[in-house]
Amino acid sequence: MRNSERVRIREVNTLSDDWYLLRKTTFDYLMRDGSWKTVTRETYDRGNGATILLVNRERGTVLLTSQFRFPAYVNGLEDGMLIEACAGLLDNQSPEEAIRREAEEELGVKVGEVRKVLESYMSPGSVTEKLFFFVAEYDSPAGEVAGNSEEGEDIEVVELGLDEALDWIDNGRIQDAKTIILLLLAQTKDWLGRSG
């Protein structure tokens, strides 16, 4: 049975339309036992996004960002600085076009061929965003600081060996989910050509 046959929308209210769109929706949902249940959910719609892990096989390194994230700060991350894979919203571009734009904005790197490795809903209980994951090679980072200053970005470029990046996951220095996924994939899929 298709989900559209299991869902009947009753009411949609916009709670906020400032930075992104927050809606409260009441709907009827057909349960597996055949009964209908009325449910209310809030959804935060920020658009879909893309993320990329840039790797340098020759040096055995990955290119990441360090930037202040206010939600992490208010949730207890002492300085609010997160180490992350480059990412951004699609902004009416294809995932491939958007991630090339973000790599140039955030890391100062022009990216050629990108390879999509997966798509994932990162927080499907409340956020509508689907994230497209990519990997690509880079030659060398353009500089130490990047970002779109008009959007309030103040990004430090971080180049790490893969083993060091994996250690940073273990010791809690890297806590961002998309980055953890990409680094673990880099290890298991041998994107840096370390085995044999």
N, C-alpha and C. Protein backbone atom coordinates (compact mmCIF):
# COMPACT_ATOMS: atom_id res chain seq x y z
N MET A 1 0.84 -1.18 0.00
CA MET A 1 0.00 0.00 0.00
C MET A 1 0.88 1.24 0.00
N ARG A 2 0.59 2.17 -0.87
CA ARG A 2 1.34 3.43 -0.92
C ARG A 2 1.01 4.28 0.29
N ASN A 3 2.01 5.03 0.77
CA ASN A 3 1.77 5.90 1.92
C ASN A 3 0.71 6.95 1.64
N SER A 4 0.60 7.42 0.38
CA SER A 4 -0.41 8.44 0.07
C SER A 4 -1.82 7.91 0.32
N GLU A 5 -2.00 6.59 0.25
CA GLU A 5 -3.29 6.00 0.55
C GLU A 5 -3.49 5.81 2.05
N ARG A 6 -2.43 5.99 2.81
CA ARG A 6 -2.49 5.82 4.26
C ARG A 6 -2.55 7.15 4.99
N VAL A 7 -2.40 8.26 4.26
CA VAL A 7 -2.35 9.58 4.89
C VAL A 7 -3.44 10.48 4.32
N ARG A 8 -4.21 11.10 5.19
CA ARG A 8 -5.22 12.09 4.80
C ARG A 8 -4.94 13.37 5.58
N ILE A 9 -4.51 14.40 4.89
CA ILE A 9 -4.18 15.67 5.53
C ILE A 9 -5.46 16.37 5.97
N ARG A 10 -5.52 16.80 7.21
CA ARG A 10 -6.68 17.53 7.74
C ARG A 10 -6.43 19.03 7.75
N GLU A 11 -5.25 19.43 8.26
CA GLU A 11 -4.98 20.86 8.44
C GLU A 11 -3.47 21.10 8.46
N VAL A 12 -3.04 22.20 7.84
CA VAL A 12 -1.64 22.60 7.85
C VAL A 12 -1.57 24.06 8.29
N ASN A 13 -0.79 24.31 9.33
CA ASN A 13 -0.60 25.67 9.83
C ASN A 13 0.88 26.03 9.78
N THR A 14 1.19 27.22 9.28
CA THR A 14 2.56 27.71 9.27
C THR A 14 2.83 28.36 10.62
N LEU A 15 3.85 27.84 11.34
CA LEU A 15 4.23 28.38 12.64
C LEU A 15 5.31 29.44 12.51
N SER A 16 6.18 29.26 11.51
CA SER A 16 7.26 30.22 11.29
C SER A 16 7.70 30.13 9.84
N ASP A 17 7.96 31.28 9.24
CA ASP A 17 8.48 31.34 7.88
C ASP A 17 9.55 32.44 7.84
N ASP A 18 10.55 32.26 8.69
CA ASP A 18 11.61 33.25 8.83
C ASP A 18 12.86 32.73 8.15
N TRP A 19 13.68 32.02 8.87
CA TRP A 19 14.91 31.47 8.28
C TRP A 19 14.55 30.30 7.37
N TYR A 20 13.72 29.39 7.89
CA TYR A 20 13.17 28.28 7.12
C TYR A 20 11.70 28.14 7.50
N LEU A 21 11.05 27.11 7.00
CA LEU A 21 9.60 26.97 7.15
C LEU A 21 9.26 25.91 8.19
N LEU A 22 8.54 26.31 9.23
CA LEU A 22 8.09 25.40 10.27
C LEU A 22 6.58 25.29 10.18
N ARG A 23 6.09 24.06 9.98
CA ARG A 23 4.65 23.82 9.83
C ARG A 23 4.17 22.82 10.88
N LYS A 24 2.91 23.00 11.26
CA LYS A 24 2.23 22.03 12.12
C LYS A 24 1.11 21.41 11.29
N THR A 25 1.13 20.11 11.13
CA THR A 25 0.17 19.40 10.28
C THR A 25 -0.61 18.38 11.10
N THR A 26 -1.92 18.39 10.93
CA THR A 26 -2.78 17.37 11.53
C THR A 26 -3.26 16.48 10.38
N PHE A 27 -3.10 15.17 10.57
CA PHE A 27 -3.48 14.24 9.51
C PHE A 27 -3.99 12.95 10.12
N ASP A 28 -4.74 12.21 9.30
CA ASP A 28 -5.19 10.87 9.69
C ASP A 28 -4.23 9.88 9.05
N TYR A 29 -3.84 8.86 9.85
CA TYR A 29 -2.90 7.84 9.37
C TYR A 29 -3.52 6.46 9.56
N LEU A 30 -3.52 5.66 8.48
CA LEU A 30 -4.06 4.30 8.53
C LEU A 30 -3.03 3.38 9.17
N MET A 31 -3.35 2.85 10.35
CA MET A 31 -2.44 1.97 11.08
C MET A 31 -2.43 0.58 10.42
N ARG A 32 -1.43 -0.21 10.79
CA ARG A 32 -1.31 -1.56 10.21
C ARG A 32 -2.49 -2.45 10.57
N ASP A 33 -3.15 -2.16 11.71
CA ASP A 33 -4.30 -2.98 12.11
C ASP A 33 -5.60 -2.56 11.42
N GLY A 34 -5.52 -1.57 10.52
CA GLY A 34 -6.69 -1.12 9.76
C GLY A 34 -7.42 0.05 10.38
N SER A 35 -7.05 0.48 11.55
CA SER A 35 -7.71 1.61 12.19
C SER A 35 -7.04 2.92 11.75
N TRP A 36 -7.82 4.02 11.80
CA TRP A 36 -7.30 5.35 11.48
C TRP A 36 -6.98 6.08 12.77
N LYS A 37 -5.84 6.76 12.79
CA LYS A 37 -5.44 7.53 13.97
C LYS A 37 -5.13 8.95 13.52
N THR A 38 -5.67 9.94 14.26
CA THR A 38 -5.37 11.34 13.99
C THR A 38 -4.08 11.71 14.71
N VAL A 39 -3.15 12.30 13.96
CA VAL A 39 -1.81 12.61 14.47
C VAL A 39 -1.48 14.06 14.13
N THR A 40 -0.74 14.72 15.00
CA THR A 40 -0.24 16.06 14.73
C THR A 40 1.28 16.03 14.78
N ARG A 41 1.92 16.59 13.77
CA ARG A 41 3.38 16.64 13.70
C ARG A 41 3.83 18.01 13.23
N GLU A 42 4.99 18.44 13.72
CA GLU A 42 5.65 19.65 13.21
C GLU A 42 6.78 19.22 12.29
N THR A 43 6.90 19.92 11.17
CA THR A 43 8.00 19.64 10.24
C THR A 43 8.76 20.93 9.97
N TYR A 44 10.06 20.80 9.95
CA TYR A 44 10.94 21.93 9.68
C TYR A 44 11.49 21.72 8.28
N ASP A 45 11.13 22.61 7.35
CA ASP A 45 11.52 22.47 5.95
C ASP A 45 12.59 23.51 5.62
N ARG A 46 13.81 23.02 5.44
CA ARG A 46 14.92 23.91 5.10
C ARG A 46 15.44 23.64 3.70
N GLY A 47 14.78 22.74 2.98
CA GLY A 47 15.24 22.36 1.64
C GLY A 47 16.19 21.19 1.72
N ASN A 48 16.49 20.61 0.59
CA ASN A 48 17.43 19.50 0.53
C ASN A 48 18.86 20.02 0.43
N GLY A 49 19.82 19.17 0.77
CA GLY A 49 21.21 19.59 0.78
C GLY A 49 22.14 18.55 0.21
N ALA A 50 23.41 18.92 0.18
CA ALA A 50 24.45 18.02 -0.31
C ALA A 50 25.69 18.18 0.57
N THR A 51 26.44 17.12 0.68
CA THR A 51 27.70 17.14 1.44
C THR A 51 28.74 16.34 0.66
N ILE A 52 30.01 16.66 0.91
CA ILE A 52 31.07 16.00 0.17
C ILE A 52 32.29 15.80 1.06
N LEU A 53 32.92 14.66 0.88
CA LEU A 53 34.23 14.42 1.49
C LEU A 53 35.26 14.54 0.39
N LEU A 54 36.14 15.51 0.55
CA LEU A 54 37.23 15.69 -0.41
C LEU A 54 38.42 14.90 0.10
N VAL A 55 38.99 14.06 -0.78
CA VAL A 55 40.10 13.19 -0.40
C VAL A 55 41.30 13.43 -1.32
N ASN A 56 42.48 13.25 -0.75
CA ASN A 56 43.71 13.29 -1.53
C ASN A 56 44.40 11.96 -1.31
N ARG A 57 44.33 11.09 -2.33
CA ARG A 57 44.87 9.73 -2.21
C ARG A 57 46.38 9.74 -2.04
N GLU A 58 47.05 10.65 -2.73
CA GLU A 58 48.50 10.71 -2.67
C GLU A 58 49.00 11.02 -1.26
N ARG A 59 48.36 11.99 -0.61
CA ARG A 59 48.77 12.38 0.74
C ARG A 59 48.03 11.61 1.83
N GLY A 60 46.95 10.92 1.47
CA GLY A 60 46.16 10.19 2.46
C GLY A 60 45.36 11.11 3.37
N THR A 61 44.91 12.25 2.81
CA THR A 61 44.25 13.25 3.63
C THR A 61 42.81 13.50 3.19
N VAL A 62 42.07 14.13 4.09
CA VAL A 62 40.72 14.59 3.81
C VAL A 62 40.65 16.08 4.14
N LEU A 63 39.73 16.76 3.50
CA LEU A 63 39.56 18.20 3.69
C LEU A 63 38.21 18.46 4.35
N LEU A 64 38.25 19.09 5.53
CA LEU A 64 37.04 19.36 6.30
C LEU A 64 36.97 20.84 6.64
N THR A 65 35.89 21.24 7.31
CA THR A 65 35.73 22.61 7.76
C THR A 65 35.60 22.64 9.27
N SER A 66 35.90 23.77 9.85
CA SER A 66 35.61 24.04 11.26
C SER A 66 34.84 25.35 11.28
N GLN A 67 33.64 25.31 11.87
CA GLN A 67 32.83 26.52 11.92
C GLN A 67 31.90 26.51 13.13
N PHE A 68 31.51 27.71 13.54
CA PHE A 68 30.63 27.88 14.69
C PHE A 68 29.21 27.47 14.30
N ARG A 69 28.60 26.65 15.14
CA ARG A 69 27.21 26.22 14.95
C ARG A 69 26.42 26.55 16.21
N PHE A 70 25.57 27.58 16.13
CA PHE A 70 24.83 28.03 17.30
C PHE A 70 23.98 26.92 17.94
N PRO A 71 23.23 26.11 17.17
CA PRO A 71 22.45 25.05 17.82
C PRO A 71 23.32 24.09 18.64
N ALA A 72 24.52 23.77 18.16
CA ALA A 72 25.41 22.90 18.93
C ALA A 72 25.89 23.62 20.19
N TYR A 73 26.14 24.92 20.07
CA TYR A 73 26.57 25.72 21.21
C TYR A 73 25.51 25.74 22.31
N VAL A 74 24.25 26.01 21.94
CA VAL A 74 23.20 26.06 22.97
C VAL A 74 22.87 24.68 23.52
N ASN A 75 23.30 23.62 22.83
CA ASN A 75 23.08 22.25 23.32
C ASN A 75 24.30 21.72 24.07
N GLY A 76 25.24 22.60 24.42
CA GLY A 76 26.31 22.18 25.31
C GLY A 76 27.70 22.06 24.71
N LEU A 77 27.86 22.21 23.39
CA LEU A 77 29.20 22.17 22.81
C LEU A 77 29.91 23.46 23.22
N GLU A 78 30.93 23.32 24.06
CA GLU A 78 31.51 24.46 24.77
C GLU A 78 31.79 25.68 23.91
N ASP A 79 32.51 25.52 22.81
CA ASP A 79 32.82 26.68 21.97
C ASP A 79 31.94 26.76 20.73
N GLY A 80 31.09 25.75 20.52
CA GLY A 80 30.18 25.75 19.37
C GLY A 80 30.83 25.45 18.04
N MET A 81 32.12 25.09 18.06
CA MET A 81 32.84 24.83 16.81
C MET A 81 32.71 23.35 16.44
N LEU A 82 32.20 23.09 15.24
CA LEU A 82 32.06 21.72 14.73
C LEU A 82 33.01 21.50 13.57
N ILE A 83 33.65 20.35 13.57
CA ILE A 83 34.46 19.90 12.43
C ILE A 83 33.50 19.14 11.52
N GLU A 84 33.41 19.58 10.25
CA GLU A 84 32.40 19.02 9.35
C GLU A 84 32.93 18.82 7.94
N ALA A 85 32.29 17.91 7.24
CA ALA A 85 32.47 17.82 5.79
C ALA A 85 31.76 19.02 5.18
N CYS A 86 32.27 19.50 4.08
CA CYS A 86 31.65 20.61 3.36
C CYS A 86 30.21 20.23 3.01
N ALA A 87 29.29 21.19 3.17
CA ALA A 87 27.88 20.91 2.89
C ALA A 87 27.12 22.21 2.66
N GLY A 88 25.95 22.08 2.07
CA GLY A 88 25.09 23.23 1.89
C GLY A 88 23.78 22.84 1.25
N LEU A 89 22.86 23.80 1.21
CA LEU A 89 21.56 23.57 0.61
C LEU A 89 21.66 23.60 -0.92
N LEU A 90 20.73 22.94 -1.58
CA LEU A 90 20.75 22.87 -3.04
C LEU A 90 20.43 24.21 -3.70
N ASP A 91 19.56 25.00 -3.09
CA ASP A 91 19.21 26.31 -3.64
C ASP A 91 18.86 26.25 -5.13
N ASN A 92 17.92 25.38 -5.49
CA ASN A 92 17.43 25.23 -6.86
C ASN A 92 18.48 24.76 -7.86
N GLN A 93 19.54 24.13 -7.39
CA GLN A 93 20.54 23.52 -8.26
C GLN A 93 20.46 22.00 -8.11
N SER A 94 21.07 21.28 -9.03
CA SER A 94 21.18 19.84 -8.85
C SER A 94 22.13 19.60 -7.69
N PRO A 95 22.06 18.43 -7.04
CA PRO A 95 23.00 18.14 -5.95
C PRO A 95 24.46 18.28 -6.39
N GLU A 96 24.78 17.86 -7.61
CA GLU A 96 26.16 17.93 -8.10
C GLU A 96 26.61 19.38 -8.26
N GLU A 97 25.74 20.22 -8.84
CA GLU A 97 26.09 21.64 -9.00
C GLU A 97 26.23 22.32 -7.64
N ALA A 98 25.32 22.01 -6.75
CA ALA A 98 25.33 22.66 -5.43
C ALA A 98 26.59 22.30 -4.65
N ILE A 99 27.01 21.04 -4.70
CA ILE A 99 28.17 20.66 -3.88
C ILE A 99 29.46 21.22 -4.48
N ARG A 100 29.51 21.37 -5.78
CA ARG A 100 30.68 22.04 -6.38
C ARG A 100 30.75 23.50 -5.91
N ARG A 101 29.58 24.18 -5.91
CA ARG A 101 29.51 25.57 -5.43
C ARG A 101 29.96 25.66 -3.98
N GLU A 102 29.46 24.77 -3.14
CA GLU A 102 29.80 24.79 -1.72
C GLU A 102 31.28 24.52 -1.48
N ALA A 103 31.87 23.60 -2.24
CA ALA A 103 33.30 23.30 -2.07
C ALA A 103 34.14 24.53 -2.38
N GLU A 104 33.72 25.27 -3.39
CA GLU A 104 34.47 26.48 -3.73
C GLU A 104 34.26 27.57 -2.68
N GLU A 105 33.00 27.73 -2.20
CA GLU A 105 32.71 28.75 -1.19
C GLU A 105 33.36 28.43 0.15
N GLU A 106 33.18 27.18 0.61
CA GLU A 106 33.61 26.82 1.96
C GLU A 106 35.08 26.46 2.05
N LEU A 107 35.63 25.88 1.00
CA LEU A 107 37.01 25.37 1.07
C LEU A 107 37.96 26.04 0.10
N GLY A 108 37.41 26.85 -0.82
CA GLY A 108 38.26 27.48 -1.81
C GLY A 108 38.82 26.52 -2.83
N VAL A 109 38.12 25.39 -3.04
CA VAL A 109 38.59 24.33 -3.93
C VAL A 109 37.61 24.16 -5.08
N LYS A 110 38.11 24.17 -6.31
CA LYS A 110 37.28 23.84 -7.47
C LYS A 110 37.29 22.32 -7.61
N VAL A 111 36.10 21.74 -7.65
CA VAL A 111 35.96 20.29 -7.71
C VAL A 111 35.51 19.90 -9.11
N GLY A 112 36.16 18.92 -9.69
CA GLY A 112 35.76 18.41 -11.00
C GLY A 112 34.71 17.33 -10.85
N GLU A 113 35.09 16.11 -11.12
CA GLU A 113 34.16 14.99 -11.06
C GLU A 113 33.81 14.66 -9.62
N VAL A 114 32.52 14.54 -9.35
CA VAL A 114 32.05 14.12 -8.03
C VAL A 114 31.30 12.80 -8.20
N ARG A 115 31.37 11.97 -7.16
CA ARG A 115 30.68 10.68 -7.20
C ARG A 115 29.69 10.61 -6.05
N LYS A 116 28.39 10.42 -6.40
CA LYS A 116 27.38 10.28 -5.35
C LYS A 116 27.52 8.91 -4.71
N VAL A 117 27.49 8.89 -3.37
CA VAL A 117 27.65 7.62 -2.67
C VAL A 117 26.39 7.19 -1.93
N LEU A 118 25.51 8.15 -1.58
CA LEU A 118 24.24 7.78 -0.96
C LEU A 118 23.36 9.00 -0.79
N GLU A 119 22.10 8.75 -0.43
CA GLU A 119 21.13 9.78 -0.06
C GLU A 119 20.57 9.37 1.29
N SER A 120 20.32 10.36 2.16
CA SER A 120 19.83 10.02 3.49
C SER A 120 19.00 11.14 4.08
N TYR A 121 17.94 10.75 4.81
CA TYR A 121 17.22 11.68 5.66
C TYR A 121 17.94 11.69 6.99
N MET A 122 18.45 12.86 7.40
CA MET A 122 19.31 12.91 8.58
C MET A 122 18.54 13.01 9.90
N SER A 123 17.35 13.57 9.88
CA SER A 123 16.55 13.71 11.10
C SER A 123 15.07 13.64 10.73
N PRO A 124 14.62 12.46 10.25
CA PRO A 124 13.28 12.36 9.65
C PRO A 124 12.12 12.50 10.62
N GLY A 125 12.39 12.55 11.91
CA GLY A 125 11.30 12.75 12.87
C GLY A 125 10.73 14.15 12.83
N SER A 126 11.53 15.11 12.31
CA SER A 126 11.03 16.49 12.31
C SER A 126 11.54 17.34 11.15
N VAL A 127 12.61 16.95 10.50
CA VAL A 127 13.21 17.76 9.44
C VAL A 127 12.97 17.07 8.10
N THR A 128 12.50 17.83 7.10
CA THR A 128 12.17 17.24 5.79
C THR A 128 13.40 17.01 4.91
N GLU A 129 14.54 17.59 5.25
CA GLU A 129 15.73 17.58 4.39
C GLU A 129 16.23 16.18 4.05
N LYS A 130 16.50 15.99 2.75
CA LYS A 130 17.24 14.83 2.27
C LYS A 130 18.63 15.33 1.91
N LEU A 131 19.65 14.58 2.34
CA LEU A 131 21.03 14.97 2.10
C LEU A 131 21.66 14.02 1.09
N PHE A 132 22.31 14.60 0.07
CA PHE A 132 23.00 13.83 -0.96
C PHE A 132 24.49 13.83 -0.62
N PHE A 133 25.07 12.65 -0.52
CA PHE A 133 26.47 12.49 -0.10
C PHE A 133 27.36 12.23 -1.32
N PHE A 134 28.50 12.92 -1.37
CA PHE A 134 29.44 12.79 -2.48
C PHE A 134 30.86 12.60 -1.96
N VAL A 135 31.71 12.10 -2.84
CA VAL A 135 33.15 12.04 -2.61
C VAL A 135 33.82 12.53 -3.88
N ALA A 136 34.95 13.21 -3.71
CA ALA A 136 35.73 13.69 -4.85
C ALA A 136 37.16 13.89 -4.40
N GLU A 137 38.06 13.94 -5.38
CA GLU A 137 39.47 14.18 -5.08
C GLU A 137 39.77 15.67 -5.16
N TYR A 138 40.76 16.08 -4.37
CA TYR A 138 41.25 17.46 -4.44
C TYR A 138 42.77 17.41 -4.51
N ASP A 139 43.34 18.50 -5.05
CA ASP A 139 44.80 18.59 -5.15
C ASP A 139 45.38 19.21 -3.90
N SER A 140 45.00 20.45 -3.64
CA SER A 140 45.48 21.13 -2.43
C SER A 140 44.49 22.20 -2.04
N PRO A 141 44.35 22.43 -0.73
CA PRO A 141 43.42 23.47 -0.29
C PRO A 141 43.92 24.84 -0.71
N ALA A 142 42.98 25.74 -0.99
CA ALA A 142 43.34 27.07 -1.47
C ALA A 142 43.81 27.98 -0.35
N GLY A 143 43.33 27.80 0.85
CA GLY A 143 43.72 28.67 1.95
C GLY A 143 43.22 28.13 3.27
N GLU A 144 43.48 28.87 4.34
CA GLU A 144 43.11 28.40 5.66
C GLU A 144 41.73 28.86 6.10
N VAL A 145 41.24 29.96 5.53
CA VAL A 145 39.95 30.51 5.93
C VAL A 145 39.11 30.73 4.68
N ALA A 146 37.84 30.34 4.75
CA ALA A 146 36.95 30.50 3.61
C ALA A 146 35.55 30.76 4.13
N GLY A 147 34.56 30.60 3.26
CA GLY A 147 33.17 30.80 3.66
C GLY A 147 32.57 32.00 2.97
N ASN A 148 31.26 32.07 2.98
CA ASN A 148 30.52 33.18 2.39
C ASN A 148 30.23 34.18 3.51
N SER A 149 31.00 35.26 3.55
CA SER A 149 30.86 36.24 4.65
C SER A 149 29.50 36.90 4.65
N GLU A 150 28.85 37.02 3.48
CA GLU A 150 27.51 37.61 3.42
C GLU A 150 26.49 36.77 4.18
N GLU A 151 26.75 35.46 4.29
CA GLU A 151 25.87 34.56 5.03
C GLU A 151 26.35 34.36 6.46
N GLY A 152 27.35 35.12 6.88
CA GLY A 152 27.86 35.02 8.24
C GLY A 152 28.78 33.83 8.46
N GLU A 153 29.31 33.26 7.38
CA GLU A 153 30.21 32.11 7.52
C GLU A 153 31.64 32.59 7.80
N ASP A 154 32.26 31.93 8.75
CA ASP A 154 33.65 32.16 9.11
C ASP A 154 34.26 30.78 9.26
N ILE A 155 34.76 30.24 8.16
CA ILE A 155 35.12 28.82 8.10
C ILE A 155 36.64 28.65 8.05
N GLU A 156 37.12 27.77 8.90
CA GLU A 156 38.53 27.38 8.87
C GLU A 156 38.64 26.06 8.10
N VAL A 157 39.57 25.99 7.18
CA VAL A 157 39.81 24.76 6.42
C VAL A 157 40.71 23.85 7.25
N VAL A 158 40.32 22.58 7.37
CA VAL A 158 41.06 21.62 8.18
C VAL A 158 41.45 20.44 7.30
N GLU A 159 42.75 20.19 7.16
CA GLU A 159 43.24 19.03 6.41
C GLU A 159 43.81 18.04 7.40
N LEU A 160 43.30 16.80 7.34
CA LEU A 160 43.71 15.76 8.27
C LEU A 160 44.01 14.47 7.53
N GLY A 161 44.91 13.66 8.10
CA GLY A 161 45.05 12.29 7.63
C GLY A 161 43.80 11.53 8.04
N LEU A 162 43.44 10.51 7.27
CA LEU A 162 42.22 9.77 7.58
C LEU A 162 42.28 9.14 8.97
N ASP A 163 43.42 8.57 9.36
CA ASP A 163 43.51 7.96 10.68
C ASP A 163 43.29 8.99 11.78
N GLU A 164 43.85 10.19 11.61
CA GLU A 164 43.64 11.23 12.61
C GLU A 164 42.17 11.64 12.66
N ALA A 165 41.53 11.76 11.51
CA ALA A 165 40.11 12.11 11.47
C ALA A 165 39.27 11.04 12.18
N LEU A 166 39.61 9.77 11.97
CA LEU A 166 38.89 8.69 12.64
C LEU A 166 39.12 8.74 14.15
N ASP A 167 40.34 9.08 14.57
CA ASP A 167 40.62 9.26 16.00
C ASP A 167 39.78 10.40 16.57
N TRP A 168 39.59 11.46 15.78
CA TRP A 168 38.79 12.60 16.24
C TRP A 168 37.33 12.20 16.44
N ILE A 169 36.85 11.20 15.69
CA ILE A 169 35.51 10.67 15.96
C ILE A 169 35.52 9.98 17.32
N ASP A 170 36.52 9.12 17.54
CA ASP A 170 36.61 8.35 18.78
C ASP A 170 36.72 9.25 20.02
N ASN A 171 37.48 10.35 19.91
CA ASN A 171 37.68 11.20 21.09
C ASN A 171 36.67 12.35 21.19
N GLY A 172 35.69 12.39 20.27
CA GLY A 172 34.62 13.36 20.36
C GLY A 172 34.90 14.72 19.73
N ARG A 173 36.05 14.86 19.07
CA ARG A 173 36.33 16.14 18.40
C ARG A 173 35.47 16.31 17.16
N ILE A 174 35.13 15.21 16.51
CA ILE A 174 34.19 15.23 15.37
C ILE A 174 32.88 14.62 15.86
N GLN A 175 31.82 15.44 15.87
CA GLN A 175 30.51 15.00 16.37
C GLN A 175 29.40 15.18 15.34
N ASP A 176 29.74 15.62 14.15
CA ASP A 176 28.75 15.87 13.11
C ASP A 176 28.42 14.58 12.37
N ALA A 177 27.13 14.24 12.28
CA ALA A 177 26.71 12.94 11.73
C ALA A 177 27.12 12.74 10.28
N LYS A 178 26.92 13.75 9.42
CA LYS A 178 27.25 13.56 8.00
C LYS A 178 28.73 13.31 7.82
N THR A 179 29.54 13.98 8.64
CA THR A 179 30.99 13.83 8.56
C THR A 179 31.41 12.46 9.04
N ILE A 180 30.82 12.01 10.12
CA ILE A 180 31.13 10.67 10.64
C ILE A 180 30.78 9.61 9.59
N ILE A 181 29.62 9.74 8.97
CA ILE A 181 29.22 8.79 7.92
C ILE A 181 30.24 8.78 6.79
N LEU A 182 30.61 9.95 6.30
CA LEU A 182 31.56 10.01 5.18
C LEU A 182 32.94 9.47 5.55
N LEU A 183 33.41 9.77 6.75
CA LEU A 183 34.73 9.27 7.16
C LEU A 183 34.72 7.76 7.33
N LEU A 184 33.66 7.22 7.90
CA LEU A 184 33.59 5.75 8.03
C LEU A 184 33.47 5.08 6.67
N LEU A 185 32.74 5.71 5.74
CA LEU A 185 32.68 5.18 4.38
C LEU A 185 34.06 5.23 3.72
N ALA A 186 34.78 6.32 3.94
CA ALA A 186 36.13 6.45 3.37
C ALA A 186 37.02 5.32 3.84
N GLN A 187 36.85 4.94 5.10
CA GLN A 187 37.65 3.83 5.65
C GLN A 187 37.20 2.50 5.07
N THR A 188 35.89 2.21 5.09
CA THR A 188 35.42 0.90 4.66
C THR A 188 35.48 0.71 3.15
N LYS A 189 35.29 1.79 2.39
CA LYS A 189 35.33 1.71 0.93
C LYS A 189 36.72 1.97 0.36
N ASP A 190 37.66 2.30 1.25
CA ASP A 190 39.06 2.53 0.87
C ASP A 190 39.19 3.61 -0.20
N TRP A 191 38.52 4.75 0.03
CA TRP A 191 38.57 5.84 -0.92
C TRP A 191 39.95 6.47 -1.06
N LEU A 192 40.81 6.24 -0.07
CA LEU A 192 42.13 6.82 -0.13
C LEU A 192 43.17 5.82 -0.65
N GLY A 193 42.71 4.62 -1.04
CA GLY A 193 43.59 3.62 -1.65
C GLY A 193 44.68 3.15 -0.72
N ARG A 194 44.34 2.90 0.56
CA ARG A 194 45.35 2.54 1.55
C ARG A 194 45.60 1.05 1.62
N SER A 195 44.67 0.22 1.14
CA SER A 195 44.91 -1.23 1.24
C SER A 195 45.45 -1.76 -0.07
N GLY A 196 46.64 -2.23 0.00
CA GLY A 196 47.28 -2.84 -1.17
C GLY A 196 47.64 -1.85 -2.16
